[in-house]
Amino acid sequence: MRFIHTGDIHWGMTPDADKPWGKERAQAIKDTFRSIIDYTREAEADCLFISGDLFHRQPLLKDLKEVNYLFSTIPAVKVLLIAGNHDRIRENSALLSFSWAPNVTFLMDDCLTSHYFEDINTEVYGFSYHRTEIKEPLLEDIQVPLNNRIQILMAHGGDASHLPLSYNSLELSPFSYIALGHIHKPQVIAERKMAYCGSPEPLDITETGPHGFFFGEIHPATRKITRLEFIPISSLQYIHLAVNVTPDTTSGELEDRIIQEIEKRGERNIYRFRIKGMRDPEITFDLAHLLSRCRIGEIIDASEPQYDFSALFAQHSSDMIGFFIQALQKENMSPVEKKALHYGVNALLHTTDERS
């Protein structure tokens, strides 16, 4: 049995909505999901598992129609869905009355149910969210019949507020594969047994690294995973980079280095830069224009001015600056204490400059 495992699509979301590329990111979510559908067809998969949060919020009828059309283009594939915390099923949800394509099975109940496909001897278990949070460990003592069927569990959660999970217990369960959703970082929890698919597209600047879905195969006789492969598919990545500076670094040099890093890794990606190290106290790095020129989500200037505290104390021994240095400076200072000293002296010097 061949399957595709995805989830956390968040159809209808606009990542980076306040950025120039926001609309592009919203479209990328839909385009990447379409690519997963195409891959499912080309791989001749038997099943497509979508482990919750297909939609970012309560889907409108037009959203359901768009997604259902995509499912209808893979009629030979059994599509199985559960609702997550974002697209949970409400009393007035359009999901309740929607007619899906014949190849779609939505496990909509709020308690564990299953659907058996005789032609591939596969039984798929799962349940959907009907509320924002599920704090009870509903799968803690899950009981399933011992038989000769391939058994799949779909679940959405893994934190204290969203279906707490005991991975050790699930690993010992009789399921051939456990298709997890909710955590946006793809990761295998138990080798050839249990995995989080992650979101196919990264959804904010904190979601670094590759994003995609899992392709797997289960042997019909042993009912064991024989192949579980992560397939990267996202249109871009969020990349965090640190740039070190020295007191000799100028704003122009720093700008050139940032642009070189972007050109090296790809101008389509979205970046967060952290400036680290010691800088000339007379220099303030002005990089705001880069935010509009390049795909940079954020620049964090964590550099510190390199002061000669001995010379400053000798110059200001009888004023507030000298008193401040004397009070804070000591051997073996912690990083927090060093920052307090640097920022404090910087503020006092600027106050002095403004009064002079």
Foldseek 3Di string as FASTA:
>chain_A
DKEWFEELLAQPDQFPCVAPCRVVLNVLSVVLVLVVLVVCQVVVGQEYEYQANNHQAQDDPVVLVVVLVSVVVRQNHQYEYAHFLRHADEPPGPVVVDDHDPSYDYQEAQAKDWDADVVLQEIEIEYYHNHNWDQDQRCAPDDDDDDLGAYEYRHEDPDRGHRNYDVVVQQPDPHQEYRYEHAQAWDAPDPQHYIYQHHLEDRYLVHFDFHHIWMWDADSGVSHTPDIDGDGRRPEGREEEEDEDEQPDALVNVVVVVVVVCVVRDQVYAYEYEYEEEYALVHDRDCVVVVNVGRYPYYHYPYFHDDPLVVVLVVPVPDPLVVLCVVQDDPPDDPVSVVCNRVVNSVVVVVVVVVD
